[in-house]
Amino acid sequence: MKRRILVADDEASIREFVVINLEHSNYEVVQAADGLEAWEAYLASEEEFDLALLDIMMPEMDGLELCRRIREKSSHTGIIFLTALTQEMDKVKGLLSGADDYITKPFSPSELMARVESVMRRVAQHNYKNTGTGADAEPSILASGDFRLDPRNRTLRRGSERIELTNIELQMMEYFLSNKDRILSRKDILLTIWGNDGVNELKIVDVNIRRLRIKIEADPSNPKRIVTIWGLGYKWVDRVE
């Protein structure tokens, strides 16, 4: 079965460029010329999209709002923003709204496909682990205090409360809980989570740490679990006093 991608961009030339490259790589593509059209296509689809490529600045409904709506429906659909060089704040807003990555225009076919395939691997990893098959069918539960991460079901709980996380957030939690009380550099986190696929902006790590803290910390502005070690990186604190 072909993997499915939703592409939304109001610039026809960019949209067509993206669609041609995706279809050449054997993806099934649904395209939309604005955010509202994309949202309607998303709702009308009988099968969940594996990935959505969204321009930020679109008429009818912008990419940020579209991203939020998709995230309300699914925490596992991959989302990549297509952004302009001048949209630095929008990049941050996009990541905070639930996107996995962003690509800055203009971009080459090789960069586009590297980013797409990187996110697709995370989507595939989620789907594989949820099947309960293979050598990783019964991995150990990762625990710290009242947090419990089940890598097989890709779920995080704090006590009896389930915390909804995106694929990126789940991978970050798995990395932290597998390295409790160990300082992890931003570069290590970047390479572990995003891989060596052209993503070289450490800012994406900081924004996703901020997003994760909002979900797991009692006071995100004064984190007790994911703490910053200035000049070195971040650390998951196993025992909080």
Protein backbone atom coordinates (compact mmCIF):
# COMPACT_ATOMS: atom_id res chain seq x y z
CA MET A 1 0.00 0.00 0.00
CA LYS A 2 1.32 3.41 -0.96
CA ARG A 3 1.99 5.88 1.82
CA ARG A 4 -0.24 8.93 1.63
CA ILE A 5 0.78 12.58 1.79
CA LEU A 6 -1.34 15.75 1.92
CA VAL A 7 0.30 18.77 0.24
CA ALA A 8 -1.14 22.25 0.85
CA ASP A 9 0.41 25.35 -0.74
CA ASP A 10 -1.27 28.27 -2.50
CA GLU A 11 1.70 28.76 -4.83
CA ALA A 12 0.93 26.45 -7.76
CA SER A 13 4.54 26.21 -8.96
CA ILE A 14 5.84 25.09 -5.55
CA ARG A 15 2.92 22.72 -5.02
CA GLU A 16 3.45 21.09 -8.40
CA PHE A 17 7.21 20.80 -7.77
CA VAL A 18 6.55 19.03 -4.45
CA VAL A 19 3.85 16.76 -5.88
CA ILE A 20 5.97 15.68 -8.86
CA ASN A 21 8.89 14.70 -6.62
CA LEU A 22 6.67 12.82 -4.17
CA GLU A 23 4.84 10.91 -6.88
CA HIS A 24 8.18 10.09 -8.51
CA SER A 25 9.11 8.44 -5.18
CA ASN A 26 5.89 6.40 -5.29
CA TYR A 27 3.87 8.31 -2.70
CA GLU A 28 0.13 8.80 -3.10
CA VAL A 29 -0.45 12.56 -3.00
CA VAL A 30 -3.55 14.66 -2.34
CA GLN A 31 -3.01 18.36 -3.04
CA ALA A 32 -4.83 21.52 -1.99
CA ALA A 33 -4.48 25.19 -2.95
CA ASP A 34 -5.39 26.61 0.47
CA GLY A 35 -5.78 25.58 4.07
CA LEU A 36 -9.54 25.14 4.02
CA GLU A 37 -9.41 22.92 0.96
CA ALA A 38 -6.71 20.86 2.65
CA TRP A 39 -8.75 20.53 5.84
CA GLU A 40 -11.80 19.39 3.88
CA ALA A 41 -9.65 16.84 2.05
CA TYR A 42 -8.27 15.61 5.37
CA LEU A 43 -11.76 15.14 6.82
CA ALA A 44 -13.07 13.48 3.66
CA SER A 45 -10.25 10.95 3.54
CA GLU A 46 -11.24 7.43 4.58
CA GLU A 47 -7.63 6.60 5.46
CA GLU A 48 -5.33 8.63 7.68
CA PHE A 49 -2.54 10.53 5.95
CA ASP A 50 0.98 9.45 6.86
CA LEU A 51 2.33 12.96 6.33
CA ALA A 52 1.16 16.52 5.66
CA LEU A 53 3.32 19.15 3.95
CA LEU A 54 1.85 22.55 4.79
CA ASP A 55 2.71 26.04 3.66
CA ILE A 56 2.41 28.47 6.57
CA MET A 57 0.98 31.48 4.73
CA MET A 58 -2.17 30.33 2.92
CA PRO A 59 -5.57 31.94 2.27
CA GLU A 60 -8.82 30.76 3.87
CA MET A 61 -6.94 28.94 6.65
CA ASP A 62 -3.22 29.28 7.37
CA GLY A 63 -0.89 26.38 7.93
CA LEU A 64 -0.63 26.96 11.68
CA GLU A 65 -4.38 26.57 12.19
CA LEU A 66 -4.45 23.58 9.84
CA CYS A 67 -1.63 21.96 11.81
CA ARG A 68 -3.48 22.46 15.10
CA ARG A 69 -6.63 20.89 13.67
CA ILE A 70 -4.76 17.88 12.31
CA ARG A 71 -3.02 17.42 15.67
CA GLU A 72 -6.40 17.38 17.42
CA LYS A 73 -7.36 14.45 15.21
CA SER A 74 -4.05 12.59 15.15
CA SER A 75 -0.83 12.71 17.13
CA HIS A 76 0.92 10.37 14.71
CA THR A 77 0.50 12.00 11.29
CA GLY A 78 3.84 13.54 10.35
CA ILE A 79 3.72 17.29 9.68
CA ILE A 80 6.34 19.37 7.86
CA PHE A 81 5.99 23.11 7.29
CA LEU A 82 7.15 24.83 4.12
CA THR A 83 8.46 28.22 5.23
CA ALA A 84 10.08 31.35 3.81
CA LEU A 85 13.46 32.63 5.02
CA THR A 86 11.79 35.58 6.77
CA GLN A 87 9.35 33.47 8.80
CA GLU A 88 11.55 32.73 11.83
CA MET A 89 8.80 33.32 14.40
CA ASP A 90 6.35 31.31 12.31
CA LYS A 91 8.81 28.40 12.31
CA VAL A 92 8.82 28.43 16.10
CA LYS A 93 5.03 28.76 16.24
CA GLY A 94 4.74 25.90 13.79
CA LEU A 95 6.88 23.57 15.87
CA LEU A 96 4.98 24.53 19.01
CA SER A 97 1.67 23.83 17.28
CA GLY A 98 2.76 20.24 16.66
CA ALA A 99 4.87 20.09 13.50
CA ASP A 100 7.74 17.62 13.26
CA ASP A 101 10.01 19.66 11.02
CA TYR A 102 10.18 22.51 8.53
CA ILE A 103 11.81 23.11 5.17
CA THR A 104 12.93 26.60 4.19
CA LYS A 105 12.10 27.77 0.66
CA PRO A 106 13.69 27.47 -1.82
CA PHE A 107 14.65 23.84 -1.40
CA SER A 108 16.08 21.16 -3.66
CA PRO A 109 14.44 17.84 -4.51
CA SER A 110 17.10 16.02 -2.48
CA GLU A 111 16.45 18.14 0.64
CA LEU A 112 12.70 17.72 0.26
CA MET A 113 12.90 13.95 -0.01
CA ALA A 114 15.44 13.63 2.80
CA ARG A 115 13.13 15.49 5.20
CA VAL A 116 10.04 13.59 4.02
CA GLU A 117 11.72 10.20 4.36
CA SER A 118 13.08 11.11 7.79
CA VAL A 119 9.59 11.86 9.12
CA MET A 120 8.15 8.85 7.29
CA ARG A 121 10.60 6.59 9.14
CA ARG A 122 9.22 7.86 12.44
CA VAL A 123 5.65 7.25 11.26
CA ALA A 124 6.60 3.75 10.12
CA GLN A 125 8.33 3.09 13.45
CA HIS A 126 5.12 3.98 15.30
CA ASN A 127 3.00 1.76 13.06
CA TYR A 128 5.46 -1.14 13.37
CA LYS A 129 5.63 -1.02 17.13
CA ASN A 130 1.84 -0.87 17.36
CA THR A 131 1.53 -4.16 15.44
CA GLY A 132 3.20 -6.06 18.28
CA THR A 133 5.24 -8.15 15.85
CA GLY A 134 8.93 -8.78 15.35
CA ALA A 135 11.88 -8.79 17.71
CA ASP A 136 10.76 -5.57 19.37
CA ALA A 137 7.23 -6.80 20.10
CA GLU A 138 7.66 -6.65 23.88
CA PRO A 139 10.22 -3.97 24.81
CA SER A 140 10.60 -3.03 28.44
CA ILE A 141 8.53 -0.27 30.00
CA LEU A 142 10.64 2.83 30.65
CA ALA A 143 9.86 4.38 34.03
CA SER A 144 10.85 7.38 36.10
CA GLY A 145 8.87 8.44 39.15
CA ASP A 146 5.20 8.34 38.16
CA PHE A 147 6.01 8.44 34.43
CA ARG A 148 5.64 5.23 32.42
CA LEU A 149 6.53 5.02 28.72
CA ASP A 150 5.42 1.93 26.83
CA PRO A 151 7.56 1.77 23.65
CA ARG A 152 5.37 -0.96 22.17
CA ASN A 153 2.11 0.97 22.38
CA ARG A 154 3.88 4.34 22.05
CA THR A 155 2.06 5.73 25.08
CA LEU A 156 3.19 7.87 28.01
CA ARG A 157 1.37 7.92 31.32
CA ARG A 158 1.81 10.01 34.45
CA GLY A 159 0.09 7.92 37.05
CA SER A 160 -3.29 7.05 35.52
CA GLU A 161 -3.23 10.05 33.16
CA ARG A 162 -2.31 9.44 29.54
CA ILE A 163 -0.27 12.23 27.96
CA GLU A 164 -0.82 12.65 24.22
CA LEU A 165 2.50 13.04 22.42
CA THR A 166 3.54 13.36 18.79
CA ASN A 167 6.03 10.95 17.23
CA ILE A 168 8.85 13.43 17.85
CA GLU A 169 7.86 13.89 21.50
CA LEU A 170 7.60 10.14 22.05
CA GLN A 171 11.06 9.62 20.59
CA MET A 172 12.48 12.36 22.78
CA MET A 173 10.89 10.87 25.89
CA GLU A 174 12.24 7.42 24.97
CA TYR A 175 15.72 8.91 24.52
CA PHE A 176 15.57 10.79 27.83
CA LEU A 177 14.19 7.85 29.83
CA SER A 178 16.82 5.56 28.34
CA ASN A 179 19.50 8.02 29.51
CA LYS A 180 18.23 9.19 32.90
CA ASP A 181 20.49 11.63 34.77
CA ARG A 182 22.83 11.79 31.78
CA ILE A 183 23.59 15.09 30.04
CA LEU A 184 22.54 14.93 26.39
CA SER A 185 23.93 17.59 24.10
CA ARG A 186 21.63 19.38 21.69
CA LYS A 187 23.64 17.91 18.81
CA ASP A 188 23.23 14.37 20.18
CA ILE A 189 19.47 14.91 20.49
CA LEU A 190 19.29 16.36 16.99
CA LEU A 191 21.13 13.44 15.41
CA THR A 192 19.28 10.81 17.43
CA ILE A 193 15.78 12.14 16.76
CA TRP A 194 16.05 13.80 13.37
CA GLY A 195 18.99 11.85 11.98
CA ASN A 196 21.56 13.05 9.51
CA ASP A 197 19.07 14.15 6.85
CA GLY A 198 19.91 17.79 6.33
CA VAL A 199 18.45 19.02 9.60
CA ASN A 200 21.23 21.11 11.11
CA GLU A 201 19.44 23.76 13.14
CA LEU A 202 19.83 23.21 16.87
CA LYS A 203 16.88 25.55 17.41
CA ILE A 204 14.52 22.74 16.46
CA VAL A 205 15.72 20.83 19.54
CA ASP A 206 15.08 23.77 21.88
CA VAL A 207 11.58 24.36 20.54
CA ASN A 208 10.62 20.71 20.88
CA ILE A 209 12.02 20.59 24.43
CA ARG A 210 9.83 23.59 25.21
CA ARG A 211 6.81 21.82 23.71
CA LEU A 212 7.52 18.65 25.68
CA ARG A 213 7.93 20.57 28.92
CA ILE A 214 4.50 22.13 28.45
CA LYS A 215 3.01 18.63 28.44
CA ILE A 216 4.95 16.97 31.26
CA GLU A 217 6.14 19.65 33.68
CA ALA A 218 3.97 21.03 36.48
CA ASP A 219 5.58 24.42 35.84
CA PRO A 220 7.15 24.52 32.35
CA SER A 221 8.95 27.78 33.17
CA ASN A 222 10.65 26.05 36.12
CA PRO A 223 11.23 22.50 34.87
CA LYS A 224 12.15 19.76 37.31
CA ARG A 225 12.34 16.79 34.96
CA ILE A 226 13.94 18.07 31.75
CA VAL A 227 16.50 20.52 33.03
CA THR A 228 18.89 22.71 31.07
CA ILE A 229 22.58 22.21 31.74
CA TRP A 230 23.93 25.51 30.48
CA GLY A 231 26.54 25.17 27.78
CA LEU A 232 26.16 21.39 27.65
CA GLY A 233 22.58 20.39 26.83
CA TYR A 234 19.65 18.83 28.65
CA LYS A 235 19.20 16.15 31.31
CA TRP A 236 16.26 14.06 32.51
CA VAL A 237 16.24 14.12 36.32
CA ASP A 238 15.15 10.73 37.59
CA ARG A 239 14.49 11.68 41.22
CA VAL A 240 12.89 15.03 41.90
CA GLU A 241 13.19 16.32 45.45
